[in-house]
Amino acid sequence: MTVPDDNTGAEPTATLPRANIPERWLPVLAGLASLLPLLVYRERWQALFYFGDDWDNINQLSQMGALRWIFRVFNEHFIPVHKALWLALLKLGGGSHFVILVGLWLVHAATAAMLCALLRAAGWFRFAAIGSGLFFGLASIHIETLAWTINLSNVVSTLALAVGLWWVFARRLDQERGQLSSALTLVLCSALSAFSMARGVLTGPVFALALLAPPPMPWSTERRWHWRTAAATVIPAAATLVIILAFSTGAKRDVIHHLPEVARYFFGFLTLNPLHSLTGLEGVGTRMMLLVGAVKLGIMLAAWRVSAPRQRRVLLCLGAAMVGDALLVGYGRFHTPEVTIVSSRYQYFVLLTFAPFLLTVIDAALRRLAVRLPRRAATVVPLAGLVLVTAAAWRGWDRQTRIWSDWRGHGPRQVLLHDPNPPATGTVPGIPPMPTARAKELIEQFDLK
């Protein structure tokens, strides 16, 4: 699909010079670039070992068997898609932790590519589209998501959202031909997301919003199709909720008596992420929430102001997903220390929803700058902008991978794989109560390496 650099409806600005790159290659370039941290620091990623919930899953898999484990409901989670994919990678790699990580990174690269494709399909300029893909794909604040195999659930769920939104904005859904395939695609993406991660229940409602959001279409056969498809996309989310309520083996949270804590965690999560992590700020108190939240709101309003109506529909969907994510995390994690609000594991989805706002503002600023520069000087503006965006995202990978490869890699491997007389307990990373003997049994059973 060829998309012109056309921002019809937005504030007039200069046209930045563009490289003669075929349209279809832009998302591919963003996706391939997203793999650079994996390639550059390959030895450190290879050193990482199973951690925390990985061991819990492997232990349950050993005790229950594959089928029962895959469809087990626990706490607020029913994620058979994630478990099936994780188990497939475990078997495919012969127990290799690195093989699962590579699979996770490939899904991440596809997500960065789809974000770029989505923004181009909705009419964003090339710089904003590929800049968003690069900024999201290369951000070092993803370290916990991309270094921990349990987060395959996160990246698969996020990819399904990106693919579905791209499908809505890249195809002519008002044409009768292909409506069935479009409806099935959106329902499938909704189901894959909902059955991969608890937050995936947001994906169907976001698709419904994308289909029904203004500008309203006249009531017609096509309009009825939009309503029917929107209703169908929320079915997987509803099914997930019913299954969890009916079969969850975990304790239901007593939220009614903790609404102030839920509200504060929600507010902190919504205001601080991802800017707090991107800028390296310290502290998560009320004053910090208000300050960072004001900056974040300003960026989002500025992006809305310079965007065309079609782009505003995308921003509306991303903003709704951002708020919904904060609500779910506030409900599920209000009982944890306040500092966990800005944990690395939470930045992945938030950055996907926020990056288009940020890059839209940067793109508009660069266009205003280009107006004031000679033509020859203006040609370097988009390239310089992409270099700065990439550098800002990349900053931190060297330090983070070094720390993580020692903490979750060399140390645990030495104790569990090489030490002939390790302590009886406290050696399994992230799950100290598990006896060392049990961990060694699992290592032998699944050939973990």
Protein backbone atom coordinates (compact mmCIF):
# COMPACT_ATOMS: atom_id res chain seq x y z
CA MET A 1 0.00 0.00 0.00
CA THR A 2 1.49 3.36 -1.05
CA VAL A 3 0.88 6.16 1.41
CA PRO A 4 1.73 9.73 0.44
CA ASP A 5 3.44 12.08 2.84
CA ASP A 6 0.18 13.85 3.38
CA ASN A 7 -1.05 15.21 6.67
CA THR A 8 -4.26 16.72 5.37
CA GLY A 9 -6.03 18.63 8.06
CA ALA A 10 -2.95 19.27 10.14
CA GLU A 11 -1.28 22.60 10.61
CA PRO A 12 0.72 23.56 7.47
CA THR A 13 4.44 22.93 7.87
CA ALA A 14 7.46 22.45 5.66
CA THR A 15 7.92 19.19 3.80
CA LEU A 16 11.06 17.47 5.04
CA PRO A 17 13.24 15.99 2.30
CA ARG A 18 12.73 12.25 2.02
CA ALA A 19 14.98 9.40 1.07
CA ASN A 20 13.97 7.40 -1.96
CA ILE A 21 13.04 4.29 0.04
CA PRO A 22 10.17 2.09 -1.20
CA GLU A 23 7.14 2.37 1.07
CA ARG A 24 7.01 -1.33 1.91
CA TRP A 25 10.58 -1.21 3.25
CA LEU A 26 9.94 1.38 5.95
CA PRO A 27 8.33 -1.04 8.45
CA VAL A 28 10.89 -3.71 7.54
CA LEU A 29 13.74 -1.32 8.32
CA ALA A 30 12.17 -0.38 11.66
CA GLY A 31 11.72 -4.05 12.55
CA LEU A 32 15.24 -5.09 11.56
CA ALA A 33 16.76 -2.15 13.43
CA SER A 34 14.90 -3.27 16.55
CA LEU A 35 17.01 -6.44 16.61
CA LEU A 36 20.29 -4.51 16.93
CA PRO A 37 20.47 -4.69 20.76
CA LEU A 38 20.11 -8.48 20.54
CA LEU A 39 22.88 -8.72 17.94
CA VAL A 40 25.29 -6.21 19.47
CA TYR A 41 25.08 -7.72 22.97
CA ARG A 42 24.47 -11.30 21.86
CA GLU A 43 26.89 -12.88 24.35
CA ARG A 44 25.20 -11.15 27.28
CA TRP A 45 21.76 -12.28 26.16
CA GLN A 46 23.10 -15.83 25.78
CA ALA A 47 24.33 -15.73 29.38
CA LEU A 48 20.82 -15.11 30.78
CA PHE A 49 19.03 -18.01 32.47
CA TYR A 50 15.52 -18.89 33.61
CA PHE A 51 14.18 -16.63 36.35
CA GLY A 52 11.26 -16.36 38.76
CA ASP A 53 7.98 -17.18 37.04
CA ASP A 54 9.90 -19.22 34.45
CA TRP A 55 10.77 -21.73 37.17
CA ASP A 56 7.22 -21.70 38.49
CA ASN A 57 5.90 -22.48 35.00
CA ILE A 58 8.44 -25.23 34.40
CA ASN A 59 7.63 -26.79 37.77
CA GLN A 60 3.88 -26.72 37.04
CA LEU A 61 4.50 -28.12 33.56
CA SER A 62 6.42 -31.01 35.10
CA GLN A 63 3.69 -31.73 37.65
CA MET A 64 0.57 -31.20 35.51
CA GLY A 65 1.58 -32.14 32.00
CA ALA A 66 1.37 -29.84 28.98
CA LEU A 67 -2.37 -29.78 28.25
CA ARG A 68 -3.54 -29.19 31.80
CA TRP A 69 -0.85 -26.56 32.37
CA ILE A 70 -1.66 -24.65 29.18
CA PHE A 71 -5.34 -24.27 30.05
CA ARG A 72 -4.93 -23.69 33.79
CA VAL A 73 -6.56 -20.51 35.11
CA PHE A 74 -4.68 -18.74 37.90
CA ASN A 75 -5.41 -15.45 39.64
CA GLU A 76 -6.47 -12.98 36.90
CA HIS A 77 -4.80 -14.92 34.10
CA PHE A 78 -6.02 -17.27 31.40
CA ILE A 79 -3.23 -17.24 28.80
CA PRO A 80 -3.18 -20.50 26.79
CA VAL A 81 -1.75 -18.81 23.67
CA HIS A 82 1.29 -17.55 25.55
CA LYS A 83 1.85 -20.87 27.29
CA ALA A 84 1.56 -22.86 24.06
CA LEU A 85 4.04 -20.58 22.27
CA TRP A 86 6.44 -20.59 25.23
CA LEU A 87 6.33 -24.38 25.45
CA ALA A 88 6.83 -24.70 21.67
CA LEU A 89 9.96 -22.54 21.86
CA LEU A 90 11.21 -24.50 24.87
CA LYS A 91 10.85 -27.77 22.94
CA LEU A 92 12.14 -26.31 19.67
CA GLY A 93 15.28 -25.02 21.35
CA GLY A 94 15.89 -28.18 23.33
CA GLY A 95 15.63 -26.32 26.63
CA SER A 96 17.74 -23.37 25.50
CA HIS A 97 16.83 -20.12 27.26
CA PHE A 98 18.40 -18.11 24.42
CA VAL A 99 16.14 -19.70 21.79
CA ILE A 100 13.05 -18.53 23.69
CA LEU A 101 14.60 -15.06 23.98
CA VAL A 102 15.24 -14.96 20.23
CA GLY A 103 11.60 -15.86 19.61
CA LEU A 104 10.54 -13.07 21.96
CA TRP A 105 12.80 -10.58 20.16
CA LEU A 106 11.44 -11.56 16.74
CA VAL A 107 7.90 -10.84 17.95
CA HIS A 108 9.17 -7.53 19.33
CA ALA A 109 10.70 -6.63 15.96
CA ALA A 110 7.42 -7.45 14.24
CA THR A 111 5.61 -5.16 16.68
CA ALA A 112 7.96 -2.26 15.91
CA ALA A 113 7.41 -2.86 12.19
CA MET A 114 3.63 -2.94 12.60
CA LEU A 115 3.67 0.30 14.59
CA CYS A 116 5.48 1.98 11.70
CA ALA A 117 3.08 0.43 9.18
CA LEU A 118 0.04 1.52 11.22
CA LEU A 119 1.17 5.14 11.36
CA ARG A 120 1.92 5.25 7.63
CA ALA A 121 -1.46 3.70 6.85
CA ALA A 122 -3.13 6.43 8.91
CA GLY A 123 -1.27 9.17 7.03
CA TRP A 124 1.64 10.07 9.29
CA PHE A 125 4.71 11.55 7.65
CA ARG A 126 7.59 9.16 7.11
CA PHE A 127 9.75 10.66 9.86
CA ALA A 128 7.06 10.28 12.54
CA ALA A 129 6.20 6.75 11.42
CA ILE A 130 9.68 5.27 11.20
CA GLY A 131 10.81 7.38 14.16
CA SER A 132 8.07 5.85 16.31
CA GLY A 133 9.04 2.36 15.17
CA LEU A 134 12.72 2.97 15.92
CA PHE A 135 12.12 4.70 19.24
CA PHE A 136 9.83 1.93 20.43
CA GLY A 137 11.94 -0.86 18.97
CA LEU A 138 15.30 0.31 20.34
CA ALA A 139 14.29 1.65 23.76
CA SER A 140 16.52 0.30 26.53
CA ILE A 141 13.72 0.75 29.07
CA HIS A 142 12.37 -2.54 27.67
CA ILE A 143 15.21 -4.46 29.35
CA GLU A 144 13.03 -6.47 31.74
CA THR A 145 10.47 -7.28 29.05
CA LEU A 146 13.06 -8.43 26.52
CA ALA A 147 15.36 -10.23 28.98
CA TRP A 148 12.70 -12.39 30.66
CA THR A 149 11.04 -15.13 28.65
CA ILE A 150 7.82 -14.94 30.68
CA ASN A 151 7.20 -11.63 28.92
CA LEU A 152 6.55 -13.41 25.65
CA SER A 153 2.94 -12.93 26.75
CA ASN A 154 3.40 -9.16 26.75
CA VAL A 155 4.98 -8.87 23.31
CA VAL A 156 2.55 -11.30 21.63
CA SER A 157 -0.45 -9.47 23.09
CA THR A 158 0.97 -6.11 22.00
CA LEU A 159 1.72 -7.37 18.49
CA ALA A 160 -1.88 -8.57 18.10
CA LEU A 161 -3.11 -5.08 19.01
CA ALA A 162 -0.76 -3.43 16.50
CA VAL A 163 -1.73 -5.82 13.70
CA GLY A 164 -5.45 -5.31 14.30
CA LEU A 165 -5.20 -1.52 14.35
CA TRP A 166 -3.12 -1.60 11.17
CA TRP A 167 -5.80 -3.75 9.55
CA VAL A 168 -8.49 -1.21 10.46
CA PHE A 169 -6.61 1.79 9.08
CA ALA A 170 -4.84 0.18 6.10
CA ARG A 171 -7.85 -1.49 4.47
CA ARG A 172 -11.11 -0.23 3.00
CA LEU A 173 -13.46 -1.84 5.49
CA ASP A 174 -16.44 -0.09 3.93
CA GLN A 175 -16.17 -2.28 0.85
CA GLU A 176 -18.39 -5.35 0.88
CA ARG A 177 -15.72 -7.58 -0.61
CA GLY A 178 -13.38 -8.76 2.12
CA GLN A 179 -15.60 -7.76 5.03
CA LEU A 180 -15.80 -11.31 6.36
CA SER A 181 -12.03 -11.77 6.25
CA SER A 182 -11.56 -8.39 7.95
CA ALA A 183 -14.01 -9.29 10.72
CA LEU A 184 -12.34 -12.67 11.26
CA THR A 185 -8.89 -11.06 11.32
CA LEU A 186 -9.91 -8.55 13.99
CA VAL A 187 -11.61 -11.19 16.12
CA LEU A 188 -8.56 -13.45 15.79
CA CYS A 189 -6.21 -10.63 16.86
CA SER A 190 -8.50 -9.85 19.78
CA ALA A 191 -8.49 -13.50 20.86
CA LEU A 192 -4.73 -13.90 20.49
CA SER A 193 -4.19 -10.82 22.64
CA ALA A 194 -6.75 -11.70 25.32
CA PHE A 195 -5.48 -15.29 25.60
CA SER A 196 -1.83 -14.18 25.79
CA MET A 197 -1.93 -11.69 28.66
CA ALA A 198 -4.43 -10.32 31.15
CA ARG A 199 -4.08 -6.84 29.64
CA GLY A 200 -5.09 -8.32 26.30
CA VAL A 201 -8.75 -7.94 27.28
CA LEU A 202 -8.31 -4.30 26.23
CA THR A 203 -7.54 -5.18 22.62
CA GLY A 204 -11.10 -6.02 21.54
CA PRO A 205 -12.60 -2.83 23.01
CA VAL A 206 -9.82 -0.79 21.36
CA PHE A 207 -10.68 -2.37 18.00
CA ALA A 208 -14.33 -1.53 18.62
CA LEU A 209 -13.37 2.07 19.32
CA ALA A 210 -11.32 2.19 16.10
CA LEU A 211 -14.33 0.95 14.12
CA LEU A 212 -16.92 3.21 15.73
CA ALA A 213 -15.02 6.40 16.62
CA PRO A 214 -15.91 9.68 14.87
CA PRO A 215 -16.20 10.87 12.21
CA PRO A 216 -19.51 9.00 12.12
CA MET A 217 -20.56 7.31 8.93
CA PRO A 218 -24.15 7.38 7.63
CA TRP A 219 -26.28 4.46 8.77
CA SER A 220 -25.93 1.86 6.04
CA THR A 221 -25.03 -1.74 5.40
CA GLU A 222 -21.39 -0.80 5.96
CA ARG A 223 -22.20 1.00 9.20
CA ARG A 224 -24.11 -2.01 10.49
CA TRP A 225 -21.11 -4.16 9.59
CA HIS A 226 -18.91 -1.91 11.71
CA TRP A 227 -21.24 -2.30 14.69
CA ARG A 228 -21.49 -6.06 14.30
CA THR A 229 -17.73 -6.44 13.92
CA ALA A 230 -17.09 -4.16 16.89
CA ALA A 231 -19.38 -6.33 19.00
CA ALA A 232 -17.61 -9.48 17.81
CA THR A 233 -14.16 -8.15 18.70
CA VAL A 234 -15.06 -7.81 22.38
CA ILE A 235 -16.27 -11.42 22.65
CA PRO A 236 -12.78 -12.83 23.45
CA ALA A 237 -12.36 -10.27 26.24
CA ALA A 238 -15.77 -11.14 27.66
CA ALA A 239 -15.01 -14.86 27.39
CA THR A 240 -11.72 -14.38 29.22
CA LEU A 241 -13.40 -12.54 32.07
CA VAL A 242 -16.09 -15.22 32.40
CA ILE A 243 -13.49 -18.00 32.44
CA ILE A 244 -11.41 -16.22 35.09
CA LEU A 245 -14.42 -15.54 37.32
CA ALA A 246 -15.64 -19.12 36.99
CA PHE A 247 -12.41 -21.10 37.20
CA SER A 248 -9.65 -18.98 38.75
CA THR A 249 -7.70 -20.84 41.42
CA GLY A 250 -6.32 -17.64 42.93
CA ALA A 251 -7.89 -15.37 45.51
CA LYS A 252 -10.12 -12.57 44.25
CA ARG A 253 -8.82 -9.16 45.25
CA ASP A 254 -10.90 -7.20 47.75
CA VAL A 255 -10.71 -3.97 45.75
CA ILE A 256 -13.76 -2.25 47.28
CA HIS A 257 -11.92 -1.65 50.54
CA HIS A 258 -8.79 -0.41 48.77
CA LEU A 259 -10.14 2.07 46.23
CA PRO A 260 -7.85 4.94 47.39
CA GLU A 261 -4.78 2.73 46.90
CA VAL A 262 -6.06 1.57 43.50
CA ALA A 263 -6.72 5.17 42.44
CA ARG A 264 -3.26 6.34 43.51
CA TYR A 265 -1.49 3.49 41.76
CA PHE A 266 -3.57 4.14 38.63
CA PHE A 267 -2.81 7.87 38.70
CA GLY A 268 0.90 7.31 39.28
CA PHE A 269 1.11 4.71 36.53
CA LEU A 270 -0.75 6.90 34.04
CA THR A 271 1.23 10.08 34.74
CA LEU A 272 4.76 8.74 35.24
CA ASN A 273 5.09 6.14 32.48
CA PRO A 274 7.01 6.14 30.23
CA LEU A 275 8.61 9.60 30.65
CA HIS A 276 9.92 8.86 34.15
CA SER A 277 11.95 5.90 32.87
CA LEU A 278 12.97 7.57 29.60
CA THR A 279 14.45 10.56 31.43
CA GLY A 280 16.00 8.66 34.34
CA LEU A 281 14.16 10.64 37.01
CA GLU A 282 14.19 9.55 40.66
CA GLY A 283 11.25 9.35 43.05
CA VAL A 284 7.56 8.63 42.52
CA GLY A 285 5.83 10.97 44.96
CA THR A 286 2.76 13.10 44.33
CA ARG A 287 4.77 16.12 43.20
CA MET A 288 6.66 14.00 40.67
CA MET A 289 3.39 12.51 39.40
CA LEU A 290 1.90 15.96 38.85
CA LEU A 291 5.02 17.35 37.16
CA VAL A 292 5.66 14.45 34.80
CA GLY A 293 1.93 14.06 34.17
CA ALA A 294 1.66 17.70 33.12
CA VAL A 295 4.51 17.29 30.63
CA LYS A 296 3.00 14.08 29.28
CA LEU A 297 -0.44 15.66 28.90
CA GLY A 298 1.13 18.64 27.13
CA ILE A 299 2.84 16.37 24.61
CA MET A 300 -0.36 14.45 23.95
CA LEU A 301 -2.44 17.61 23.48
CA ALA A 302 0.18 19.09 21.16
CA ALA A 303 0.20 15.92 19.06
CA TRP A 304 -3.59 15.99 18.88
CA ARG A 305 -3.56 19.62 17.75
CA VAL A 306 -1.21 19.07 14.78
CA SER A 307 -2.80 15.78 13.65
CA ALA A 308 -5.32 15.19 10.91
CA PRO A 309 -8.76 13.70 11.75
CA ARG A 310 -7.78 10.20 10.59
CA GLN A 311 -4.67 10.31 12.75
CA ARG A 312 -6.68 11.51 15.72
CA ARG A 313 -8.69 8.28 15.55
CA VAL A 314 -5.44 6.35 15.99
CA LEU A 315 -4.33 8.61 18.83
CA LEU A 316 -7.73 8.18 20.46
CA CYS A 317 -7.36 4.39 20.34
CA LEU A 318 -3.81 4.52 21.71
CA GLY A 319 -4.84 6.92 24.46
CA ALA A 320 -7.75 4.68 25.44
CA ALA A 321 -5.42 1.66 25.55
CA MET A 322 -3.00 3.65 27.72
CA VAL A 323 -5.72 4.54 30.23
CA GLY A 324 -7.12 1.00 30.23
CA ASP A 325 -3.67 -0.43 30.89
CA ALA A 326 -3.23 1.91 33.87
CA LEU A 327 -6.61 0.84 35.26
CA LEU A 328 -5.78 -2.86 35.02
CA VAL A 329 -2.34 -2.43 36.58
CA GLY A 330 -3.82 -0.26 39.33
CA TYR A 331 -6.32 -3.03 40.10
CA GLY A 332 -3.77 -5.82 39.98
CA ARG A 333 -0.77 -4.19 41.67
CA PHE A 334 -2.13 -1.62 44.14
CA HIS A 335 -0.84 -3.75 47.03
CA THR A 336 2.79 -3.54 45.85
CA PRO A 337 5.26 -0.77 46.85
CA GLU A 338 4.71 2.54 45.09
CA VAL A 339 8.16 2.43 43.51
CA THR A 340 7.00 -0.52 41.36
CA ILE A 341 4.81 1.90 39.39
CA VAL A 342 7.79 2.67 37.15
CA SER A 343 9.13 -0.89 36.84
CA SER A 344 10.74 -1.73 33.52
CA ARG A 345 8.26 -4.53 32.88
CA TYR A 346 5.42 -1.99 32.56
CA GLN A 347 7.10 0.28 30.01
CA TYR A 348 6.65 -1.88 26.90
CA PHE A 349 2.97 -1.39 26.20
CA VAL A 350 2.96 2.18 27.53
CA LEU A 351 5.74 3.21 25.16
CA LEU A 352 3.94 1.70 22.17
CA THR A 353 0.90 3.85 22.97
CA PHE A 354 2.92 7.00 23.74
CA ALA A 355 5.64 6.97 21.06
CA PRO A 356 3.33 8.20 18.25
CA PHE A 357 2.31 11.21 20.37
CA LEU A 358 5.94 12.09 21.10
CA LEU A 359 7.21 11.60 17.54
CA THR A 360 4.30 13.57 16.10
CA VAL A 361 5.37 16.55 18.19
CA ILE A 362 9.05 16.11 17.26
CA ASP A 363 8.09 15.82 13.59
CA ALA A 364 6.07 19.04 13.73
CA ALA A 365 8.96 20.84 15.46
CA LEU A 366 11.45 19.69 12.82
CA ARG A 367 9.17 20.90 10.04
CA ARG A 368 8.97 24.32 11.63
CA LEU A 369 12.77 24.33 11.86
CA ALA A 370 13.14 23.32 8.22
CA VAL A 371 11.11 26.37 7.14
CA ARG A 372 13.84 28.61 8.54
CA LEU A 373 16.78 26.78 6.97
CA PRO A 374 18.26 26.88 3.46
CA ARG A 375 17.17 23.97 1.29
CA ARG A 376 20.57 22.28 1.45
CA ALA A 377 20.73 22.53 5.23
CA ALA A 378 17.14 21.35 5.55
CA THR A 379 18.03 18.05 3.89
CA VAL A 380 19.91 16.93 6.99
CA VAL A 381 17.05 17.71 9.39
CA PRO A 382 15.17 14.38 9.13
CA LEU A 383 18.40 12.35 9.22
CA ALA A 384 19.69 14.26 12.24
CA GLY A 385 16.31 13.83 13.92
CA LEU A 386 16.34 10.06 13.38
CA VAL A 387 19.90 9.83 14.71
CA LEU A 388 18.93 11.72 17.86
CA VAL A 389 15.76 9.65 18.35
CA THR A 390 17.72 6.42 17.89
CA ALA A 391 20.48 7.54 20.26
CA ALA A 392 17.98 8.57 22.92
CA ALA A 393 16.25 5.20 22.72
CA TRP A 394 19.50 3.20 22.65
CA ARG A 395 21.06 4.94 25.66
CA GLY A 396 21.41 2.45 28.50
CA TRP A 397 21.67 -0.87 26.67
CA ASP A 398 25.35 -1.44 27.47
CA ARG A 399 24.94 -0.85 31.19
CA GLN A 400 21.63 -2.70 31.49
CA THR A 401 22.72 -5.82 29.61
CA ARG A 402 25.93 -6.00 31.66
CA ILE A 403 24.01 -5.83 34.95
CA TRP A 404 21.34 -8.28 33.86
CA SER A 405 23.75 -10.83 32.40
CA ASP A 406 25.51 -11.02 35.77
CA TRP A 407 22.38 -10.93 37.94
CA ARG A 408 20.18 -13.28 35.93
CA GLY A 409 22.86 -15.08 33.96
CA HIS A 410 26.38 -15.87 35.08
CA GLY A 411 25.53 -16.11 38.79
CA PRO A 412 22.55 -18.50 38.54
CA ARG A 413 24.26 -20.62 35.88
CA GLN A 414 27.34 -21.05 38.05
CA VAL A 415 25.31 -22.18 41.06
CA LEU A 416 22.74 -24.38 39.31
CA LEU A 417 24.77 -25.81 36.43
CA HIS A 418 28.40 -25.90 37.58
CA ASP A 419 28.65 -25.79 41.38
CA PRO A 420 28.93 -29.42 42.63
CA ASN A 421 27.75 -28.54 46.15
CA PRO A 422 25.32 -25.61 45.99
CA PRO A 423 23.24 -24.49 49.01
CA ALA A 424 20.04 -26.48 49.56
CA THR A 425 17.78 -23.43 49.19
CA GLY A 426 17.92 -19.82 48.07
CA THR A 427 19.76 -20.53 44.83
CA VAL A 428 16.89 -20.41 42.32
CA PRO A 429 16.77 -16.83 40.97
CA GLY A 430 13.49 -15.06 41.60
CA ILE A 431 11.95 -17.97 43.49
CA PRO A 432 14.09 -18.60 46.63
CA PRO A 433 11.69 -21.10 48.30
CA MET A 434 12.27 -23.66 45.54
CA PRO A 435 14.80 -26.27 46.74
CA THR A 436 17.98 -26.46 44.72
CA ALA A 437 17.46 -30.20 44.29
CA ARG A 438 14.09 -29.57 42.63
CA ALA A 439 15.62 -27.01 40.27
CA LYS A 440 18.30 -29.52 39.27
CA GLU A 441 15.60 -32.14 38.62
CA LEU A 442 13.82 -29.72 36.29
CA ILE A 443 17.10 -28.84 34.56
CA GLU A 444 17.68 -32.52 33.85
CA GLN A 445 14.06 -33.25 32.87
CA PHE A 446 13.81 -30.41 30.33
CA ASP A 447 17.53 -30.16 29.49
CA LEU A 448 17.54 -26.51 30.52
CA LYS A 449 20.53 -24.55 29.31
